[in-house]
PDB file of N, CA and C in Angstrom:
ATOM      1  N   UNK A   1       0.843  -1.173   0.000  1.00  0.00           N
ATOM      2  CA  UNK A   1       0.000   0.000   0.000  1.00  0.00           C
ATOM      3  C   UNK A   1       0.889   1.238   0.000  1.00  0.00           C
ATOM      4  N   UNK A   2       0.555   2.206  -0.823  1.00  0.00           N
ATOM      5  CA  UNK A   2       1.331   3.434  -0.926  1.00  0.00           C
ATOM      6  C   UNK A   2       1.185   4.269   0.335  1.00  0.00           C
ATOM      7  N   UNK A   3       2.275   4.928   0.707  1.00  0.00           N
ATOM      8  CA  UNK A   3       2.172   5.842   1.836  1.00  0.00           C
ATOM      9  C   UNK A   3       1.635   7.192   1.388  1.00  0.00           C
ATOM     10  N   UNK A   4       1.354   7.329   0.096  1.00  0.00           N
ATOM     11  CA  UNK A   4       0.705   8.515  -0.461  1.00  0.00           C
ATOM     12  C   UNK A   4      -0.614   8.060  -1.091  1.00  0.00           C
ATOM     13  N   UNK A   5      -1.667   7.962  -0.288  1.00  0.00           N
ATOM     14  CA  UNK A   5      -2.911   7.341  -0.750  1.00  0.00           C
ATOM     15  C   UNK A   5      -3.610   8.071  -1.899  1.00  0.00           C
ATOM     16  N   UNK A   6      -3.292   9.346  -2.106  1.00  0.00           N
ATOM     17  CA  UNK A   6      -3.944  10.089  -3.187  1.00  0.00           C
ATOM     18  C   UNK A   6      -2.947  10.478  -4.277  1.00  0.00           C
ATOM     19  N   UNK A   7      -1.850   9.729  -4.371  1.00  0.00           N
ATOM     20  CA  UNK A   7      -0.803  10.017  -5.339  1.00  0.00           C
ATOM     21  C   UNK A   7      -1.377  10.145  -6.747  1.00  0.00           C
ATOM     22  N   UNK A   8      -1.089  11.268  -7.393  1.00  0.00           N
ATOM     23  CA  UNK A   8      -1.508  11.472  -8.776  1.00  0.00           C
ATOM     24  C   UNK A   8      -2.947  11.908  -8.960  1.00  0.00           C
ATOM     25  N   UNK A   9      -3.695  12.099  -7.891  1.00  0.00           N
ATOM     26  CA  UNK A   9      -5.099  12.504  -8.000  1.00  0.00           C
ATOM     27  C   UNK A   9      -5.212  14.032  -7.968  1.00  0.00           C
ATOM     28  N   UNK A  10      -6.028  14.569  -8.861  1.00  0.00           N
ATOM     29  CA  UNK A  10      -6.308  16.009  -8.861  1.00  0.00           C
ATOM     30  C   UNK A  10      -7.620  16.206  -8.099  1.00  0.00           C
ATOM     31  N   UNK A  11      -7.534  16.917  -6.967  1.00  0.00           N
ATOM     32  CA  UNK A  11      -8.680  17.092  -6.083  1.00  0.00           C
ATOM     33  C   UNK A  11      -9.058  18.568  -6.029  1.00  0.00           C
ATOM     34  N   UNK A  12     -10.292  18.859  -6.422  1.00  0.00           N
ATOM     35  CA  UNK A  12     -10.833  20.213  -6.314  1.00  0.00           C
ATOM     36  C   UNK A  12     -11.276  20.443  -4.879  1.00  0.00           C
ATOM     37  N   UNK A  13     -10.808  21.532  -4.275  1.00  0.00           N
ATOM     38  CA  UNK A  13     -11.195  21.897  -2.915  1.00  0.00           C
ATOM     39  C   UNK A  13     -11.963  23.212  -2.972  1.00  0.00           C
ATOM     40  N   UNK A  14     -13.218  23.161  -2.501  1.00  0.00           N
ATOM     41  CA  UNK A  14     -14.078  24.341  -2.453  1.00  0.00           C
ATOM     42  C   UNK A  14     -14.494  24.528  -1.003  1.00  0.00           C
ATOM     43  N   UNK A  15     -13.930  25.553  -0.375  1.00  0.00           N
ATOM     44  CA  UNK A  15     -14.129  25.806   1.057  1.00  0.00           C
ATOM     45  C   UNK A  15     -13.953  27.292   1.310  1.00  0.00           C
ATOM     46  N   UNK A  16     -14.922  27.917   1.992  1.00  0.00           N
ATOM     47  CA  UNK A  16     -14.837  29.355   2.222  1.00  0.00           C
ATOM     48  C   UNK A  16     -14.173  29.755   3.542  1.00  0.00           C
ATOM     49  N   UNK A  17     -13.864  28.812   4.392  1.00  0.00           N
ATOM     50  CA  UNK A  17     -13.135  29.113   5.619  1.00  0.00           C
ATOM     51  C   UNK A  17     -11.642  28.971   5.304  1.00  0.00           C
ATOM     52  N   UNK A  18     -10.944  30.108   5.260  1.00  0.00           N
ATOM     53  CA  UNK A  18      -9.565  30.120   4.781  1.00  0.00           C
ATOM     54  C   UNK A  18      -8.670  29.131   5.515  1.00  0.00           C
ATOM     55  N   UNK A  19      -8.702  29.149   6.832  1.00  0.00           N
ATOM     56  CA  UNK A  19      -7.798  28.276   7.589  1.00  0.00           C
ATOM     57  C   UNK A  19      -8.079  26.801   7.318  1.00  0.00           C
ATOM     58  N   UNK A  20      -9.351  26.437   7.268  1.00  0.00           N
ATOM     59  CA  UNK A  20      -9.700  25.053   6.965  1.00  0.00           C
ATOM     60  C   UNK A  20      -9.282  24.685   5.543  1.00  0.00           C
ATOM     61  N   UNK A  21      -9.510  25.584   4.606  1.00  0.00           N
ATOM     62  CA  UNK A  21      -9.123  25.330   3.215  1.00  0.00           C
ATOM     63  C   UNK A  21      -7.622  25.133   3.092  1.00  0.00           C
ATOM     64  N   UNK A  22      -6.856  25.974   3.775  1.00  0.00           N
ATOM     65  CA  UNK A  22      -5.408  25.875   3.703  1.00  0.00           C
ATOM     66  C   UNK A  22      -4.901  24.596   4.367  1.00  0.00           C
ATOM     67  N   UNK A  23      -5.492  24.247   5.498  1.00  0.00           N
ATOM     68  CA  UNK A  23      -5.106  23.014   6.187  1.00  0.00           C
ATOM     69  C   UNK A  23      -5.457  21.790   5.331  1.00  0.00           C
ATOM     70  N   UNK A  24      -6.640  21.810   4.737  1.00  0.00           N
ATOM     71  CA  UNK A  24      -7.059  20.708   3.871  1.00  0.00           C
ATOM     72  C   UNK A  24      -6.134  20.595   2.659  1.00  0.00           C
ATOM     73  N   UNK A  25      -5.793  21.726   2.055  1.00  0.00           N
ATOM     74  CA  UNK A  25      -4.868  21.725   0.926  1.00  0.00           C
ATOM     75  C   UNK A  25      -3.544  21.054   1.314  1.00  0.00           C
ATOM     76  N   UNK A  26      -2.997  21.467   2.448  1.00  0.00           N
ATOM     77  CA  UNK A  26      -1.730  20.901   2.899  1.00  0.00           C
ATOM     78  C   UNK A  26      -1.810  19.410   3.154  1.00  0.00           C
ATOM     79  N   UNK A  27      -2.861  18.961   3.817  1.00  0.00           N
ATOM     80  CA  UNK A  27      -3.027  17.532   4.113  1.00  0.00           C
ATOM     81  C   UNK A  27      -3.199  16.713   2.838  1.00  0.00           C
ATOM     82  N   UNK A  28      -3.970  17.239   1.902  1.00  0.00           N
ATOM     83  CA  UNK A  28      -4.169  16.516   0.638  1.00  0.00           C
ATOM     84  C   UNK A  28      -2.863  16.419  -0.144  1.00  0.00           C
ATOM     85  N   UNK A  29      -2.095  17.502  -0.139  1.00  0.00           N
ATOM     86  CA  UNK A  29      -0.800  17.460  -0.824  1.00  0.00           C
ATOM     87  C   UNK A  29       0.137  16.455  -0.153  1.00  0.00           C
ATOM     88  N   UNK A  30       0.118  16.397   1.178  1.00  0.00           N
ATOM     89  CA  UNK A  30       0.947  15.420   1.883  1.00  0.00           C
ATOM     90  C   UNK A  30       0.518  13.987   1.559  1.00  0.00           C
ATOM     91  N   UNK A  31      -0.764  13.816   1.207  1.00  0.00           N
ATOM     92  CA  UNK A  31      -1.272  12.493   0.830  1.00  0.00           C
ATOM     93  C   UNK A  31      -1.017  12.200  -0.645  1.00  0.00           C
ATOM     94  N   UNK A  32      -0.337  13.128  -1.340  1.00  0.00           N
ATOM     95  CA  UNK A  32       0.038  12.902  -2.726  1.00  0.00           C
ATOM     96  C   UNK A  32      -0.855  13.550  -3.760  1.00  0.00           C
ATOM     97  N   UNK A  33      -1.911  14.230  -3.341  1.00  0.00           N
ATOM     98  CA  UNK A  33      -2.844  14.833  -4.287  1.00  0.00           C
ATOM     99  C   UNK A  33      -2.291  16.131  -4.864  1.00  0.00           C
ATOM    100  N   UNK A  34      -2.734  16.429  -6.066  1.00  0.00           N
ATOM    101  CA  UNK A  34      -2.540  17.748  -6.648  1.00  0.00           C
ATOM    102  C   UNK A  34      -3.844  18.501  -6.387  1.00  0.00           C
ATOM    103  N   UNK A  35      -3.778  19.587  -5.652  1.00  0.00           N
ATOM    104  CA  UNK A  35      -4.984  20.313  -5.262  1.00  0.00           C
ATOM    105  C   UNK A  35      -5.305  21.377  -6.299  1.00  0.00           C
ATOM    106  N   UNK A  36      -6.550  21.361  -6.747  1.00  0.00           N
ATOM    107  CA  UNK A  36      -7.088  22.399  -7.618  1.00  0.00           C
ATOM    108  C   UNK A  36      -7.846  23.335  -6.692  1.00  0.00           C
ATOM    109  N   UNK A  37      -7.422  24.573  -6.609  1.00  0.00           N
ATOM    110  CA  UNK A  37      -7.971  25.518  -5.638  1.00  0.00           C
ATOM    111  C   UNK A  37      -6.988  25.635  -4.495  1.00  0.00           C
ATOM    112  N   UNK A  38      -7.453  25.822  -3.292  1.00  0.00           N
ATOM    113  CA  UNK A  38      -8.861  25.927  -2.902  1.00  0.00           C
ATOM    114  C   UNK A  38      -9.482  27.250  -3.347  1.00  0.00           C
ATOM    115  N   UNK A  39     -10.780  27.205  -3.462  1.00  0.00           N
ATOM    116  CA  UNK A  39     -11.547  28.392  -3.818  1.00  0.00           C
ATOM    117  C   UNK A  39     -12.742  28.480  -2.888  1.00  0.00           C
ATOM    118  N   UNK A  40     -13.122  29.711  -2.529  1.00  0.00           N
ATOM    119  CA  UNK A  40     -14.117  29.889  -1.489  1.00  0.00           C
ATOM    120  C   UNK A  40     -15.426  30.525  -1.884  1.00  0.00           C
ATOM    121  N   UNK A  41     -15.686  30.652  -3.178  1.00  0.00           N
ATOM    122  CA  UNK A  41     -16.981  31.221  -3.585  1.00  0.00           C
ATOM    123  C   UNK A  41     -17.515  30.466  -4.797  1.00  0.00           C
ATOM    124  N   UNK A  42     -18.827  30.396  -4.881  1.00  0.00           N
ATOM    125  CA  UNK A  42     -19.474  29.536  -5.873  1.00  0.00           C
ATOM    126  C   UNK A  42     -19.154  29.941  -7.306  1.00  0.00           C
ATOM    127  N   UNK A  43     -19.238  31.221  -7.632  1.00  0.00           N
ATOM    128  CA  UNK A  43     -19.011  31.648  -9.016  1.00  0.00           C
ATOM    129  C   UNK A  43     -17.609  31.269  -9.471  1.00  0.00           C
ATOM    130  N   UNK A  44     -16.622  31.515  -8.635  1.00  0.00           N
ATOM    131  CA  UNK A  44     -15.247  31.159  -8.986  1.00  0.00           C
ATOM    132  C   UNK A  44     -15.057  29.660  -9.079  1.00  0.00           C
ATOM    133  N   UNK A  45     -15.704  28.918  -8.196  1.00  0.00           N
ATOM    134  CA  UNK A  45     -15.593  27.458  -8.218  1.00  0.00           C
ATOM    135  C   UNK A  45     -16.226  26.887  -9.485  1.00  0.00           C
ATOM    136  N   UNK A  46     -17.358  27.444  -9.887  1.00  0.00           N
ATOM    137  CA  UNK A  46     -18.011  26.993 -11.123  1.00  0.00           C
ATOM    138  C   UNK A  46     -17.109  27.271 -12.326  1.00  0.00           C
ATOM    139  N   UNK A  47     -16.513  28.470 -12.369  1.00  0.00           N
ATOM    140  CA  UNK A  47     -15.630  28.833 -13.473  1.00  0.00           C
ATOM    141  C   UNK A  47     -14.400  27.930 -13.494  1.00  0.00           C
ATOM    142  N   UNK A  48     -13.817  27.701 -12.328  1.00  0.00           N
ATOM    143  CA  UNK A  48     -12.631  26.845 -12.241  1.00  0.00           C
ATOM    144  C   UNK A  48     -12.950  25.420 -12.679  1.00  0.00           C
ATOM    145  N   UNK A  49     -14.047  24.871 -12.180  1.00  0.00           N
ATOM    146  CA  UNK A  49     -14.436  23.502 -12.543  1.00  0.00           C
ATOM    147  C   UNK A  49     -14.754  23.396 -14.031  1.00  0.00           C
ATOM    148  N   UNK A  50     -15.352  24.424 -14.598  1.00  0.00           N
ATOM    149  CA  UNK A  50     -15.677  24.411 -16.022  1.00  0.00           C
ATOM    150  C   UNK A  50     -14.422  24.480 -16.888  1.00  0.00           C
ATOM    151  N   UNK A  51     -13.407  25.197 -16.411  1.00  0.00           N
ATOM    152  CA  UNK A  51     -12.178  25.389 -17.181  1.00  0.00           C
ATOM    153  C   UNK A  51     -11.189  24.240 -17.024  1.00  0.00           C
ATOM    154  N   UNK A  52     -11.288  23.499 -15.944  1.00  0.00           N
ATOM    155  CA  UNK A  52     -10.327  22.441 -15.642  1.00  0.00           C
ATOM    156  C   UNK A  52     -10.817  21.103 -16.174  1.00  0.00           C
ATOM    157  N   UNK A  53      -9.921  20.371 -16.761  1.00  0.00           N
ATOM    158  CA  UNK A  53     -10.232  18.986 -17.118  1.00  0.00           C
ATOM    159  C   UNK A  53      -9.378  18.094 -16.237  1.00  0.00           C
ATOM    160  N   UNK A  54      -9.790  16.870 -16.094  1.00  0.00           N
ATOM    161  CA  UNK A  54      -8.985  15.930 -15.334  1.00  0.00           C
ATOM    162  C   UNK A  54      -9.092  16.056 -13.837  1.00  0.00           C
ATOM    163  N   UNK A  55     -10.179  16.622 -13.341  1.00  0.00           N
ATOM    164  CA  UNK A  55     -10.408  16.623 -11.895  1.00  0.00           C
ATOM    165  C   UNK A  55     -10.859  15.221 -11.520  1.00  0.00           C
ATOM    166  N   UNK A  56     -10.136  14.619 -10.574  1.00  0.00           N
ATOM    167  CA  UNK A  56     -10.416  13.237 -10.196  1.00  0.00           C
ATOM    168  C   UNK A  56     -11.426  13.112  -9.063  1.00  0.00           C
ATOM    169  N   UNK A  57     -11.526  14.140  -8.219  1.00  0.00           N
ATOM    170  CA  UNK A  57     -12.449  14.114  -7.078  1.00  0.00           C
ATOM    171  C   UNK A  57     -12.584  15.540  -6.555  1.00  0.00           C
ATOM    172  N   UNK A  58     -13.581  15.739  -5.682  1.00  0.00           N
ATOM    173  CA  UNK A  58     -13.793  17.073  -5.130  1.00  0.00           C
ATOM    174  C   UNK A  58     -14.267  16.991  -3.690  1.00  0.00           C
ATOM    175  N   UNK A  59     -13.837  17.992  -2.914  1.00  0.00           N
ATOM    176  CA  UNK A  59     -14.316  18.196  -1.548  1.00  0.00           C
ATOM    177  C   UNK A  59     -15.033  19.536  -1.565  1.00  0.00           C
ATOM    178  N   UNK A  60     -16.341  19.507  -1.278  1.00  0.00           N
ATOM    179  CA  UNK A  60     -17.155  20.715  -1.395  1.00  0.00           C
ATOM    180  C   UNK A  60     -17.799  21.082  -0.071  1.00  0.00           C
ATOM    181  N   UNK A  61     -17.547  22.303   0.383  1.00  0.00           N
ATOM    182  CA  UNK A  61     -18.275  22.865   1.513  1.00  0.00           C
ATOM    183  C   UNK A  61     -19.690  23.153   1.011  1.00  0.00           C
ATOM    184  N   UNK A  62     -20.691  22.800   1.788  1.00  0.00           N
ATOM    185  CA  UNK A  62     -22.081  22.989   1.342  1.00  0.00           C
ATOM    186  C   UNK A  62     -22.499  24.436   1.229  1.00  0.00           C
ATOM    187  N   UNK A  63     -21.991  25.283   2.121  1.00  0.00           N
ATOM    188  CA  UNK A  63     -22.425  26.670   2.159  1.00  0.00           C
ATOM    189  C   UNK A  63     -21.209  27.562   1.950  1.00  0.00           C
ATOM    190  N   UNK A  64     -21.247  28.314   0.854  1.00  0.00           N
ATOM    191  CA  UNK A  64     -20.144  29.212   0.510  1.00  0.00           C
ATOM    192  C   UNK A  64     -20.620  30.650   0.639  1.00  0.00           C
ATOM    193  N   UNK A  65     -20.464  31.214   1.819  1.00  0.00           N
ATOM    194  CA  UNK A  65     -20.887  32.590   2.035  1.00  0.00           C
ATOM    195  C   UNK A  65     -22.357  32.811   1.758  1.00  0.00           C
ATOM    196  N   UNK A  66     -23.180  31.826   2.062  1.00  0.00           N
ATOM    197  CA  UNK A  66     -24.621  31.930   1.848  1.00  0.00           C
ATOM    198  C   UNK A  66     -25.106  31.274   0.569  1.00  0.00           C
ATOM    199  N   UNK A  67     -24.195  30.906  -0.321  1.00  0.00           N
ATOM    200  CA  UNK A  67     -24.574  30.215  -1.561  1.00  0.00           C
ATOM    201  C   UNK A  67     -24.418  28.717  -1.367  1.00  0.00           C
ATOM    202  N   UNK A  68     -25.442  27.973  -1.748  1.00  0.00           N
ATOM    203  CA  UNK A  68     -25.351  26.517  -1.681  1.00  0.00           C
ATOM    204  C   UNK A  68     -24.512  26.009  -2.846  1.00  0.00           C
ATOM    205  N   UNK A  69     -23.744  24.977  -2.614  1.00  0.00           N
ATOM    206  CA  UNK A  69     -22.784  24.451  -3.572  1.00  0.00           C
ATOM    207  C   UNK A  69     -23.409  23.467  -4.569  1.00  0.00           C
ATOM    208  N   UNK A  70     -24.716  23.245  -4.483  1.00  0.00           N
ATOM    209  CA  UNK A  70     -25.360  22.207  -5.284  1.00  0.00           C
ATOM    210  C   UNK A  70     -25.222  22.377  -6.801  1.00  0.00           C
ATOM    211  N   UNK A  71     -25.244  23.607  -7.359  1.00  0.00           N
ATOM    212  CA  UNK A  71     -25.017  23.703  -8.821  1.00  0.00           C
ATOM    213  C   UNK A  71     -23.651  23.153  -9.232  1.00  0.00           C
ATOM    214  N   UNK A  72     -22.638  23.391  -8.411  1.00  0.00           N
ATOM    215  CA  UNK A  72     -21.306  22.851  -8.696  1.00  0.00           C
ATOM    216  C   UNK A  72     -21.309  21.333  -8.547  1.00  0.00           C
ATOM    217  N   UNK A  73     -21.967  20.835  -7.520  1.00  0.00           N
ATOM    218  CA  UNK A  73     -22.061  19.389  -7.326  1.00  0.00           C
ATOM    219  C   UNK A  73     -22.766  18.733  -8.510  1.00  0.00           C
ATOM    220  N   UNK A  74     -23.805  19.381  -9.033  1.00  0.00           N
ATOM    221  CA  UNK A  74     -24.498  18.856 -10.217  1.00  0.00           C
ATOM    222  C   UNK A  74     -23.563  18.805 -11.421  1.00  0.00           C
ATOM    223  N   UNK A  75     -22.785  19.870 -11.626  1.00  0.00           N
ATOM    224  CA  UNK A  75     -21.847  19.933 -12.744  1.00  0.00           C
ATOM    225  C   UNK A  75     -20.816  18.809 -12.643  1.00  0.00           C
ATOM    226  N   UNK A  76     -20.237  18.646 -11.464  1.00  0.00           N
ATOM    227  CA  UNK A  76     -19.218  17.616 -11.269  1.00  0.00           C
ATOM    228  C   UNK A  76     -19.804  16.210 -11.411  1.00  0.00           C
ATOM    229  N   UNK A  77     -20.994  16.007 -10.853  1.00  0.00           N
ATOM    230  CA  UNK A  77     -21.647  14.705 -10.947  1.00  0.00           C
ATOM    231  C   UNK A  77     -21.936  14.355 -12.408  1.00  0.00           C
ATOM    232  N   UNK A  78     -22.382  15.337 -13.188  1.00  0.00           N
ATOM    233  CA  UNK A  78     -22.655  15.105 -14.607  1.00  0.00           C
ATOM    234  C   UNK A  78     -21.391  14.700 -15.353  1.00  0.00           C
ATOM    235  N   UNK A  79     -20.241  15.154 -14.888  1.00  0.00           N
ATOM    236  CA  UNK A  79     -18.961  14.797 -15.499  1.00  0.00           C
ATOM    237  C   UNK A  79     -18.396  13.481 -14.954  1.00  0.00           C
ATOM    238  N   UNK A  80     -19.072  12.905 -13.972  1.00  0.00           N
ATOM    239  CA  UNK A  80     -18.592  11.659 -13.391  1.00  0.00           C
ATOM    240  C   UNK A  80     -17.497  11.843 -12.355  1.00  0.00           C
ATOM    241  N   UNK A  81     -17.379  13.054 -11.814  1.00  0.00           N
ATOM    242  CA  UNK A  81     -16.357  13.333 -10.798  1.00  0.00           C
ATOM    243  C   UNK A  81     -16.918  12.967  -9.433  1.00  0.00           C
ATOM    244  N   UNK A  82     -16.290  12.026  -8.728  1.00  0.00           N
ATOM    245  CA  UNK A  82     -16.754  11.681  -7.385  1.00  0.00           C
ATOM    246  C   UNK A  82     -16.489  12.839  -6.431  1.00  0.00           C
ATOM    247  N   UNK A  83     -17.397  13.009  -5.471  1.00  0.00           N
ATOM    248  CA  UNK A  83     -17.246  14.126  -4.545  1.00  0.00           C
ATOM    249  C   UNK A  83     -17.705  13.739  -3.163  1.00  0.00           C
ATOM    250  N   UNK A  84     -17.244  14.542  -2.222  1.00  0.00           N
ATOM    251  CA  UNK A  84     -17.729  14.456  -0.846  1.00  0.00           C
ATOM    252  C   UNK A  84     -18.062  15.868  -0.409  1.00  0.00           C
ATOM    253  N   UNK A  85     -18.985  15.948   0.522  1.00  0.00           N
ATOM    254  CA  UNK A  85     -19.350  17.239   1.088  1.00  0.00           C
ATOM    255  C   UNK A  85     -18.678  17.407   2.440  1.00  0.00           C
ATOM    256  N   UNK A  86     -18.359  18.649   2.753  1.00  0.00           N
ATOM    257  CA  UNK A  86     -17.868  19.034   4.066  1.00  0.00           C
ATOM    258  C   UNK A  86     -18.885  20.043   4.580  1.00  0.00           C
ATOM    259  N   UNK A  87     -19.441  19.790   5.752  1.00  0.00           N
ATOM    260  CA  UNK A  87     -20.552  20.640   6.189  1.00  0.00           C
ATOM    261  C   UNK A  87     -20.646  20.757   7.704  1.00  0.00           C
ATOM    262  N   UNK A  88     -21.162  21.879   8.116  1.00  0.00           N
ATOM    263  CA  UNK A  88     -21.504  22.068   9.513  1.00  0.00           C
ATOM    264  C   UNK A  88     -22.975  21.763   9.755  1.00  0.00           C
ATOM    265  N   UNK A  89     -23.692  21.420   8.689  1.00  0.00           N
ATOM    266  CA  UNK A  89     -25.123  21.133   8.767  1.00  0.00           C
ATOM    267  C   UNK A  89     -25.363  19.636   8.900  1.00  0.00           C
ATOM    268  N   UNK A  90     -26.563  19.293   9.293  1.00  0.00           N
ATOM    269  CA  UNK A  90     -26.953  17.892   9.385  1.00  0.00           C
ATOM    270  C   UNK A  90     -27.062  17.322   7.966  1.00  0.00           C
ATOM    271  N   UNK A  91     -26.345  16.246   7.662  1.00  0.00           N
ATOM    272  CA  UNK A  91     -26.388  15.677   6.312  1.00  0.00           C
ATOM    273  C   UNK A  91     -27.775  15.257   5.840  1.00  0.00           C
ATOM    274  N   UNK A  92     -28.715  15.062   6.742  1.00  0.00           N
ATOM    275  CA  UNK A  92     -30.063  14.701   6.295  1.00  0.00           C
ATOM    276  C   UNK A  92     -30.730  15.847   5.543  1.00  0.00           C
ATOM    277  N   UNK A  93     -30.145  17.056   5.609  1.00  0.00           N
ATOM    278  CA  UNK A  93     -30.711  18.195   4.888  1.00  0.00           C
ATOM    279  C   UNK A  93     -30.277  18.243   3.424  1.00  0.00           C
ATOM    280  N   UNK A  94     -29.471  17.266   3.007  1.00  0.00           N
ATOM    281  CA  UNK A  94     -29.035  17.218   1.607  1.00  0.00           C
ATOM    282  C   UNK A  94     -30.209  16.896   0.689  1.00  0.00           C
ATOM    283  N   UNK A  95     -30.225  17.476  -0.511  1.00  0.00           N
ATOM    284  CA  UNK A  95     -31.252  17.094  -1.482  1.00  0.00           C
ATOM    285  C   UNK A  95     -31.171  15.599  -1.785  1.00  0.00           C
ATOM    286  N   UNK A  96     -32.285  15.021  -2.116  1.00  0.00           N
ATOM    287  CA  UNK A  96     -32.383  13.576  -2.368  1.00  0.00           C
ATOM    288  C   UNK A  96     -31.377  13.131  -3.430  1.00  0.00           C
ATOM    289  N   UNK A  97     -31.132  13.951  -4.437  1.00  0.00           N
ATOM    290  CA  UNK A  97     -30.209  13.548  -5.507  1.00  0.00           C
ATOM    291  C   UNK A  97     -28.782  13.337  -5.006  1.00  0.00           C
ATOM    292  N   UNK A  98     -28.474  13.844  -3.808  1.00  0.00           N
ATOM    293  CA  UNK A  98     -27.141  13.664  -3.240  1.00  0.00           C
ATOM    294  C   UNK A  98     -27.155  12.736  -2.023  1.00  0.00           C
ATOM    295  N   UNK A  99     -28.187  11.925  -1.919  1.00  0.00           N
ATOM    296  CA  UNK A  99     -28.326  11.023  -0.770  1.00  0.00           C
ATOM    297  C   UNK A  99     -27.158  10.044  -0.662  1.00  0.00           C
ATOM    298  N   UNK A 100     -26.534   9.710  -1.779  1.00  0.00           N
ATOM    299  CA  UNK A 100     -25.432   8.749  -1.765  1.00  0.00           C
ATOM    300  C   UNK A 100     -24.058   9.399  -1.608  1.00  0.00           C
ATOM    301  N   UNK A 101     -24.020  10.725  -1.519  1.00  0.00           N
ATOM    302  CA  UNK A 101     -22.744  11.424  -1.378  1.00  0.00           C
ATOM    303  C   UNK A 101     -22.382  11.503   0.103  1.00  0.00           C
ATOM    304  N   UNK A 102     -21.173  11.076   0.417  1.00  0.00           N
ATOM    305  CA  UNK A 102     -20.730  11.114   1.810  1.00  0.00           C
ATOM    306  C   UNK A 102     -20.546  12.561   2.257  1.00  0.00           C
ATOM    307  N   UNK A 103     -21.015  12.848   3.466  1.00  0.00           N
ATOM    308  CA  UNK A 103     -20.842  14.168   4.061  1.00  0.00           C
ATOM    309  C   UNK A 103     -19.982  14.040   5.308  1.00  0.00           C
ATOM    310  N   UNK A 104     -18.892  14.771   5.334  1.00  0.00           N
ATOM    311  CA  UNK A 104     -18.020  14.827   6.504  1.00  0.00           C
ATOM    312  C   UNK A 104     -18.458  16.042   7.322  1.00  0.00           C
ATOM    313  N   UNK A 105     -18.863  15.808   8.549  1.00  0.00           N
ATOM    314  CA  UNK A 105     -19.423  16.872   9.380  1.00  0.00           C
ATOM    315  C   UNK A 105     -18.305  17.630  10.094  1.00  0.00           C
ATOM    316  N   UNK A 106     -18.364  18.953   9.985  1.00  0.00           N
ATOM    317  CA  UNK A 106     -17.383  19.815  10.647  1.00  0.00           C
ATOM    318  C   UNK A 106     -17.653  19.842  12.146  1.00  0.00           C
ATOM    319  N   UNK A 107     -16.647  19.924  12.993  1.00  0.00           N
ATOM    320  CA  UNK A 107     -15.249  20.018  12.592  1.00  0.00           C
ATOM    321  C   UNK A 107     -14.794  18.686  12.021  1.00  0.00           C
ATOM    322  N   UNK A 108     -14.268  18.750  10.830  1.00  0.00           N
ATOM    323  CA  UNK A 108     -13.945  17.550  10.078  1.00  0.00           C
ATOM    324  C   UNK A 108     -12.523  17.085  10.381  1.00  0.00           C
ATOM    325  N   UNK A 109     -12.387  15.803  10.490  1.00  0.00           N
ATOM    326  CA  UNK A 109     -11.074  15.189  10.643  1.00  0.00           C
ATOM    327  C   UNK A 109     -10.465  15.076   9.248  1.00  0.00           C
ATOM    328  N   UNK A 110      -9.258  15.589   9.088  1.00  0.00           N
ATOM    329  CA  UNK A 110      -8.636  15.536   7.776  1.00  0.00           C
ATOM    330  C   UNK A 110      -8.352  14.103   7.349  1.00  0.00           C
ATOM    331  N   UNK A 111      -8.090  13.223   8.296  1.00  0.00           N
ATOM    332  CA  UNK A 111      -7.901  11.809   7.941  1.00  0.00           C
ATOM    333  C   UNK A 111      -9.217  11.219   7.443  1.00  0.00           C
ATOM    334  N   UNK A 112     -10.343  11.702   7.991  1.00  0.00           N
ATOM    335  CA  UNK A 112     -11.656  11.256   7.522  1.00  0.00           C
ATOM    336  C   UNK A 112     -11.881  11.697   6.073  1.00  0.00           C
ATOM    337  N   UNK A 113     -11.491  12.919   5.750  1.00  0.00           N
ATOM    338  CA  UNK A 113     -11.651  13.426   4.384  1.00  0.00           C
ATOM    339  C   UNK A 113     -10.811  12.595   3.415  1.00  0.00           C
ATOM    340  N   UNK A 114      -9.575  12.315   3.788  1.00  0.00           N
ATOM    341  CA  UNK A 114      -8.700  11.530   2.909  1.00  0.00           C
ATOM    342  C   UNK A 114      -9.265  10.120   2.722  1.00  0.00           C
ATOM    343  N   UNK A 115      -9.736   9.511   3.797  1.00  0.00           N
ATOM    344  CA  UNK A 115     -10.336   8.179   3.690  1.00  0.00           C
ATOM    345  C   UNK A 115     -11.589   8.213   2.816  1.00  0.00           C
ATOM    346  N   UNK A 116     -12.408   9.248   2.967  1.00  0.00           N
ATOM    347  CA  UNK A 116     -13.623   9.378   2.160  1.00  0.00           C
ATOM    348  C   UNK A 116     -13.272   9.547   0.689  1.00  0.00           C
ATOM    349  N   UNK A 117     -12.248  10.349   0.399  1.00  0.00           N
ATOM    350  CA  UNK A 117     -11.825  10.527  -0.988  1.00  0.00           C
ATOM    351  C   UNK A 117     -11.316   9.217  -1.571  1.00  0.00           C
ATOM    352  N   UNK A 118     -10.524   8.491  -0.804  1.00  0.00           N
ATOM    353  CA  UNK A 118     -10.064   7.174  -1.273  1.00  0.00           C
ATOM    354  C   UNK A 118     -11.259   6.272  -1.584  1.00  0.00           C
ATOM    355  N   UNK A 119     -12.252   6.294  -0.714  1.00  0.00           N
ATOM    356  CA  UNK A 119     -13.430   5.464  -0.908  1.00  0.00           C
ATOM    357  C   UNK A 119     -14.196   5.793  -2.166  1.00  0.00           C
ATOM    358  N   UNK A 120     -14.420   7.087  -2.430  1.00  0.00           N
ATOM    359  CA  UNK A 120     -15.189   7.450  -3.630  1.00  0.00           C
ATOM    360  C   UNK A 120     -14.388   7.211  -4.883  1.00  0.00           C
ATOM    361  N   UNK A 121     -13.090   7.350  -4.800  1.00  0.00           N
ATOM    362  CA  UNK A 121     -12.269   7.118  -5.986  1.00  0.00           C
ATOM    363  C   UNK A 121     -12.159   5.624  -6.277  1.00  0.00           C
ATOM    364  N   UNK A 122     -12.080   4.806  -5.238  1.00  0.00           N
ATOM    365  CA  UNK A 122     -12.030   3.351  -5.426  1.00  0.00           C
ATOM    366  C   UNK A 122     -13.350   2.819  -5.976  1.00  0.00           C
ATOM    367  N   UNK A 123     -14.456   3.481  -5.639  1.00  0.00           N
ATOM    368  CA  UNK A 123     -15.776   3.017  -6.047  1.00  0.00           C
ATOM    369  C   UNK A 123     -16.113   3.338  -7.496  1.00  0.00           C
ATOM    370  N   UNK A 124     -15.371   4.239  -8.113  1.00  0.00           N
ATOM    371  CA  UNK A 124     -15.730   4.600  -9.494  1.00  0.00           C
ATOM    372  C   UNK A 124     -15.174   3.686 -10.514  1.00  0.00           C
TER     373      UNK A 124
END
C-alpha cells in the first residue's frame, strides 16, 4: 500500500473558511494529491471547474458565504467526478439527488476526508 494514498489525483477543494481550506490543501498534498484551488466562492468554483479537465475528485463545503454548492455538485456529478461534502449542517438536509454522497461533518477530521476521498475514488 502506498504511503501517499492520493498520489496522482487532482482534487478540487471548495471551502470558504480560509484556515480550513489551507489546512485541507496541505493535508491533501501530503497524501500525494494535486490540489485544484482551494476556492471559497461559488461563481469562482463553477468557473474553475468548467475550465479544468482531469479533476479526479472534489471536496465541497455545502455553504459558501450563503450560496449553496449544489449547482457545482451537479456539474461535477454530470462529469462523473466523485465528490464528498464538508458541512456544519446535518447531512439529512441534503437534497435527495445527493443522498449517496458522503458528508463529513465539521469540525472535520482531515484523515476522515482523505479516507472518504479514497473510498469514492475506489468506487468509481
